[in-house]
Amino acid sequence: MNIGEAQLKTVPYVPWSHPFIERLIGTIRRECLDRLLFWTAIDLEMKLFAFQDFYNKYRTHSALGGQTPVEAPKFKRAALKCYRWQAHCRGLYQTPTAA
C-alpha cells in the first residue's frame, strides 16, 4: 500500500459489503480463471495481466454503451474520502455509498 491511500474496511464474512469488488472478482473468475490453467504464481500473474489488457482495451462493456473502457469518455470519479456506510437488513449487511 502506498502512503496516502485510504483503506476501506469491510465487514467480516459479508461479501456484499463491497459489491463492485465482488463483481470484478466474479468477472475475473468466470471469464479468466475458470477457463485457464496456470502452473506457478508467475504464470498466473502473466495471465492476469493479459486479461487486464483484454478487459480494458478490447472487451466491450454494456454499461459503457458497447465501448471499451479505453474508448469511453472519462467520468468524474467518486471521492473515496467522502463515503458512508448504508445499513441493510437491520445492520446485517452494509454497503458503502457516496456521502
N, C-alpha and C. Protein backbone atom coordinates (compact mmCIF):
# COMPACT_ATOMS: atom_id res chain seq x y z
N MET A 1 0.84 -1.18 0.00
CA MET A 1 0.00 0.00 0.00
C MET A 1 0.88 1.24 0.00
N ASN A 2 0.53 2.18 -0.83
CA ASN A 2 1.25 3.44 -0.87
C ASN A 2 0.83 4.34 0.28
N ILE A 3 1.73 5.16 0.70
CA ILE A 3 1.40 6.13 1.74
C ILE A 3 0.39 7.11 1.18
N GLY A 4 -0.64 7.40 1.92
CA GLY A 4 -1.66 8.34 1.49
C GLY A 4 -2.90 7.67 0.93
N GLU A 5 -2.86 6.37 0.70
CA GLU A 5 -4.05 5.68 0.23
C GLU A 5 -4.99 5.44 1.40
N ALA A 6 -6.26 5.57 1.13
CA ALA A 6 -7.26 5.34 2.18
C ALA A 6 -7.63 3.87 2.18
N GLN A 7 -7.86 3.32 3.34
CA GLN A 7 -8.30 1.94 3.47
C GLN A 7 -9.80 1.93 3.74
N LEU A 8 -10.50 1.09 3.00
CA LEU A 8 -11.92 0.88 3.26
C LEU A 8 -12.05 -0.44 3.99
N LYS A 9 -12.53 -0.41 5.19
CA LYS A 9 -12.69 -1.61 6.00
C LYS A 9 -13.94 -2.35 5.54
N THR A 10 -13.87 -3.66 5.48
CA THR A 10 -15.02 -4.46 5.12
C THR A 10 -15.59 -5.13 6.36
N VAL A 11 -16.81 -5.52 6.25
CA VAL A 11 -17.46 -6.25 7.32
C VAL A 11 -17.03 -7.71 7.19
N PRO A 12 -16.50 -8.32 8.25
CA PRO A 12 -16.03 -9.70 8.15
C PRO A 12 -17.14 -10.66 7.74
N TYR A 13 -16.81 -11.57 6.82
CA TYR A 13 -17.71 -12.62 6.36
C TYR A 13 -18.97 -12.09 5.67
N VAL A 14 -18.91 -10.88 5.14
CA VAL A 14 -20.04 -10.31 4.41
C VAL A 14 -19.53 -9.89 3.04
N PRO A 15 -19.63 -10.76 2.03
CA PRO A 15 -19.06 -10.43 0.73
C PRO A 15 -19.75 -9.27 0.03
N TRP A 16 -20.97 -8.94 0.43
CA TRP A 16 -21.69 -7.85 -0.25
C TRP A 16 -21.35 -6.48 0.31
N SER A 17 -20.38 -6.38 1.21
CA SER A 17 -20.04 -5.07 1.75
C SER A 17 -19.33 -4.20 0.72
N HIS A 18 -18.75 -4.81 -0.31
CA HIS A 18 -18.15 -4.06 -1.43
C HIS A 18 -18.59 -4.70 -2.73
N PRO A 19 -19.81 -4.39 -3.18
CA PRO A 19 -20.38 -5.09 -4.33
C PRO A 19 -19.58 -4.91 -5.63
N PHE A 20 -18.92 -3.76 -5.81
CA PHE A 20 -18.18 -3.53 -7.04
C PHE A 20 -16.96 -4.45 -7.11
N ILE A 21 -16.29 -4.63 -6.00
CA ILE A 21 -15.14 -5.52 -5.96
C ILE A 21 -15.58 -6.96 -6.16
N GLU A 22 -16.69 -7.34 -5.52
CA GLU A 22 -17.21 -8.70 -5.69
C GLU A 22 -17.58 -8.96 -7.14
N ARG A 23 -18.15 -7.95 -7.80
CA ARG A 23 -18.50 -8.10 -9.22
C ARG A 23 -17.24 -8.30 -10.06
N LEU A 24 -16.20 -7.54 -9.78
CA LEU A 24 -14.94 -7.66 -10.52
C LEU A 24 -14.32 -9.03 -10.29
N ILE A 25 -14.29 -9.49 -9.06
CA ILE A 25 -13.72 -10.81 -8.76
C ILE A 25 -14.51 -11.90 -9.48
N GLY A 26 -15.83 -11.79 -9.48
CA GLY A 26 -16.65 -12.77 -10.19
C GLY A 26 -16.38 -12.77 -11.69
N THR A 27 -16.22 -11.60 -12.27
CA THR A 27 -15.91 -11.50 -13.70
C THR A 27 -14.56 -12.13 -14.01
N ILE A 28 -13.56 -11.85 -13.18
CA ILE A 28 -12.23 -12.43 -13.39
C ILE A 28 -12.30 -13.95 -13.28
N ARG A 29 -13.06 -14.45 -12.33
CA ARG A 29 -13.19 -15.91 -12.19
C ARG A 29 -13.90 -16.52 -13.39
N ARG A 30 -15.08 -15.97 -13.76
CA ARG A 30 -15.87 -16.54 -14.85
C ARG A 30 -15.16 -16.47 -16.19
N GLU A 31 -14.59 -15.30 -16.50
CA GLU A 31 -14.06 -15.08 -17.84
C GLU A 31 -12.59 -15.41 -17.99
N CYS A 32 -11.89 -15.65 -16.90
CA CYS A 32 -10.45 -15.90 -17.00
C CYS A 32 -10.05 -17.17 -16.24
N LEU A 33 -10.16 -17.17 -14.94
CA LEU A 33 -9.60 -18.24 -14.13
C LEU A 33 -10.30 -19.59 -14.32
N ASP A 34 -11.61 -19.58 -14.59
CA ASP A 34 -12.32 -20.84 -14.80
C ASP A 34 -11.97 -21.48 -16.15
N ARG A 35 -11.34 -20.73 -17.04
CA ARG A 35 -11.05 -21.22 -18.39
C ARG A 35 -9.57 -21.50 -18.62
N LEU A 36 -8.71 -21.13 -17.69
CA LEU A 36 -7.28 -21.27 -17.88
C LEU A 36 -6.65 -22.16 -16.81
N LEU A 37 -5.59 -22.80 -17.20
CA LEU A 37 -4.75 -23.49 -16.23
C LEU A 37 -3.51 -22.62 -16.00
N PHE A 38 -3.04 -22.59 -14.79
CA PHE A 38 -1.79 -21.90 -14.51
C PHE A 38 -0.96 -22.81 -13.63
N TRP A 39 0.35 -22.71 -13.79
CA TRP A 39 1.24 -23.65 -13.14
C TRP A 39 2.01 -23.05 -11.97
N THR A 40 2.32 -21.78 -12.05
CA THR A 40 3.07 -21.11 -10.98
C THR A 40 2.45 -19.75 -10.73
N ALA A 41 2.88 -19.11 -9.67
CA ALA A 41 2.38 -17.77 -9.37
C ALA A 41 2.77 -16.79 -10.47
N ILE A 42 3.94 -16.97 -11.06
CA ILE A 42 4.38 -16.08 -12.14
C ILE A 42 3.51 -16.30 -13.38
N ASP A 43 3.19 -17.55 -13.67
CA ASP A 43 2.31 -17.87 -14.79
C ASP A 43 0.93 -17.25 -14.59
N LEU A 44 0.39 -17.37 -13.38
CA LEU A 44 -0.90 -16.76 -13.06
C LEU A 44 -0.84 -15.25 -13.22
N GLU A 45 0.20 -14.63 -12.72
CA GLU A 45 0.33 -13.18 -12.82
C GLU A 45 0.39 -12.73 -14.28
N MET A 46 1.13 -13.44 -15.11
CA MET A 46 1.20 -13.07 -16.54
C MET A 46 -0.16 -13.21 -17.21
N LYS A 47 -0.91 -14.25 -16.87
CA LYS A 47 -2.23 -14.44 -17.46
C LYS A 47 -3.22 -13.40 -16.96
N LEU A 48 -3.11 -12.99 -15.71
CA LEU A 48 -3.99 -11.93 -15.19
C LEU A 48 -3.68 -10.58 -15.83
N PHE A 49 -2.40 -10.30 -16.08
CA PHE A 49 -2.05 -9.05 -16.78
C PHE A 49 -2.58 -9.07 -18.21
N ALA A 50 -2.51 -10.22 -18.88
CA ALA A 50 -3.05 -10.33 -20.23
C ALA A 50 -4.57 -10.13 -20.22
N PHE A 51 -5.26 -10.69 -19.21
CA PHE A 51 -6.71 -10.49 -19.10
C PHE A 51 -7.04 -9.03 -18.81
N GLN A 52 -6.24 -8.38 -17.98
CA GLN A 52 -6.45 -6.96 -17.69
C GLN A 52 -6.35 -6.13 -18.97
N ASP A 53 -5.37 -6.43 -19.79
CA ASP A 53 -5.20 -5.73 -21.06
C ASP A 53 -6.41 -5.97 -21.96
N PHE A 54 -6.85 -7.22 -22.07
CA PHE A 54 -8.03 -7.55 -22.87
C PHE A 54 -9.27 -6.85 -22.33
N TYR A 55 -9.48 -6.89 -21.03
CA TYR A 55 -10.67 -6.33 -20.39
C TYR A 55 -10.78 -4.82 -20.61
N ASN A 56 -9.66 -4.12 -20.52
CA ASN A 56 -9.69 -2.66 -20.62
C ASN A 56 -9.60 -2.14 -22.05
N LYS A 57 -8.96 -2.89 -22.95
CA LYS A 57 -8.72 -2.36 -24.30
C LYS A 57 -9.59 -2.97 -25.39
N TYR A 58 -10.08 -4.19 -25.20
CA TYR A 58 -10.75 -4.89 -26.29
C TYR A 58 -12.14 -5.39 -25.97
N ARG A 59 -12.44 -5.71 -24.73
CA ARG A 59 -13.74 -6.26 -24.35
C ARG A 59 -14.75 -5.13 -24.24
N THR A 60 -15.87 -5.25 -24.96
CA THR A 60 -16.90 -4.20 -24.88
C THR A 60 -17.70 -4.38 -23.60
N HIS A 61 -18.21 -3.27 -23.08
CA HIS A 61 -18.96 -3.26 -21.83
C HIS A 61 -20.33 -2.65 -22.09
N SER A 62 -21.37 -3.35 -21.72
CA SER A 62 -22.73 -2.85 -21.97
C SER A 62 -23.00 -1.56 -21.18
N ALA A 63 -22.42 -1.43 -20.00
CA ALA A 63 -22.63 -0.22 -19.21
C ALA A 63 -21.98 1.01 -19.85
N LEU A 64 -21.06 0.78 -20.77
CA LEU A 64 -20.39 1.88 -21.47
C LEU A 64 -20.93 2.05 -22.89
N GLY A 65 -22.10 1.49 -23.14
CA GLY A 65 -22.71 1.63 -24.46
C GLY A 65 -21.97 0.85 -25.53
N GLY A 66 -21.40 -0.28 -25.20
CA GLY A 66 -20.69 -1.10 -26.17
C GLY A 66 -19.27 -0.66 -26.44
N GLN A 67 -18.77 0.29 -25.67
CA GLN A 67 -17.40 0.74 -25.83
C GLN A 67 -16.49 0.01 -24.84
N THR A 68 -15.21 0.12 -25.07
CA THR A 68 -14.24 -0.39 -24.11
C THR A 68 -13.92 0.72 -23.12
N PRO A 69 -13.38 0.40 -21.95
CA PRO A 69 -13.02 1.46 -21.00
C PRO A 69 -12.01 2.46 -21.58
N VAL A 70 -11.16 2.02 -22.48
CA VAL A 70 -10.19 2.94 -23.08
C VAL A 70 -10.89 3.92 -24.00
N GLU A 71 -11.92 3.46 -24.72
CA GLU A 71 -12.64 4.32 -25.67
C GLU A 71 -13.65 5.25 -25.00
N ALA A 72 -14.20 4.82 -23.89
CA ALA A 72 -15.29 5.56 -23.23
C ALA A 72 -14.79 6.90 -22.71
N PRO A 73 -15.66 7.90 -22.72
CA PRO A 73 -15.26 9.19 -22.15
C PRO A 73 -14.99 9.05 -20.66
N LYS A 74 -14.06 9.81 -20.20
CA LYS A 74 -13.69 9.73 -18.79
C LYS A 74 -14.75 10.41 -17.94
N PHE A 75 -15.16 9.71 -16.92
CA PHE A 75 -16.15 10.24 -15.98
C PHE A 75 -15.43 10.73 -14.74
N LYS A 76 -16.07 11.63 -14.05
CA LYS A 76 -15.52 12.10 -12.79
C LYS A 76 -15.63 10.97 -11.76
N ARG A 77 -14.53 10.66 -11.13
CA ARG A 77 -14.52 9.59 -10.14
C ARG A 77 -15.05 10.08 -8.81
N ALA A 78 -15.63 9.17 -8.09
CA ALA A 78 -16.12 9.49 -6.75
C ALA A 78 -14.94 9.67 -5.81
N ALA A 79 -15.06 10.62 -4.92
CA ALA A 79 -14.01 10.85 -3.93
C ALA A 79 -14.11 9.77 -2.86
N LEU A 80 -13.03 9.03 -2.67
CA LEU A 80 -13.06 7.95 -1.69
C LEU A 80 -13.06 8.47 -0.26
N LYS A 81 -12.75 9.74 -0.09
CA LYS A 81 -12.75 10.30 1.26
C LYS A 81 -14.16 10.67 1.72
N CYS A 82 -15.10 10.69 0.79
CA CYS A 82 -16.47 11.09 1.11
C CYS A 82 -17.42 9.92 0.91
N TYR A 83 -17.46 9.03 1.87
CA TYR A 83 -18.39 7.91 1.80
C TYR A 83 -18.94 7.64 3.19
N ARG A 84 -20.02 6.89 3.20
CA ARG A 84 -20.60 6.45 4.46
C ARG A 84 -21.14 5.04 4.25
N TRP A 85 -21.38 4.36 5.33
CA TRP A 85 -21.91 3.00 5.25
C TRP A 85 -23.42 3.05 5.35
N GLN A 86 -24.10 2.34 4.47
CA GLN A 86 -25.55 2.25 4.50
C GLN A 86 -25.91 0.84 4.98
N ALA A 87 -26.70 0.80 6.04
CA ALA A 87 -27.08 -0.50 6.63
C ALA A 87 -28.29 -1.07 5.90
N HIS A 88 -28.30 -2.39 5.74
CA HIS A 88 -29.41 -3.12 5.13
C HIS A 88 -29.75 -4.29 6.05
N CYS A 89 -30.99 -4.73 6.00
CA CYS A 89 -31.45 -5.89 6.77
C CYS A 89 -31.11 -5.74 8.25
N ARG A 90 -31.48 -4.60 8.80
CA ARG A 90 -31.26 -4.30 10.22
C ARG A 90 -29.79 -4.40 10.62
N GLY A 91 -28.92 -3.95 9.72
CA GLY A 91 -27.50 -3.91 10.02
C GLY A 91 -26.73 -5.17 9.70
N LEU A 92 -27.40 -6.19 9.17
CA LEU A 92 -26.71 -7.43 8.82
C LEU A 92 -25.73 -7.20 7.67
N TYR A 93 -26.14 -6.39 6.70
CA TYR A 93 -25.28 -6.06 5.57
C TYR A 93 -25.07 -4.56 5.54
N GLN A 94 -23.88 -4.15 5.09
CA GLN A 94 -23.59 -2.73 4.93
C GLN A 94 -22.90 -2.52 3.60
N THR A 95 -23.25 -1.45 2.91
CA THR A 95 -22.61 -1.12 1.64
C THR A 95 -22.12 0.31 1.70
N PRO A 96 -20.99 0.59 1.07
CA PRO A 96 -20.50 1.98 1.03
C PRO A 96 -21.31 2.76 0.00
N THR A 97 -21.65 3.99 0.35
CA THR A 97 -22.35 4.87 -0.57
C THR A 97 -21.69 6.24 -0.53
N ALA A 98 -21.90 7.00 -1.60
CA ALA A 98 -21.34 8.35 -1.64
C ALA A 98 -22.02 9.20 -0.57
N ALA A 99 -21.21 9.98 0.12
CA ALA A 99 -21.74 10.82 1.20
C ALA A 99 -22.32 12.09 0.65
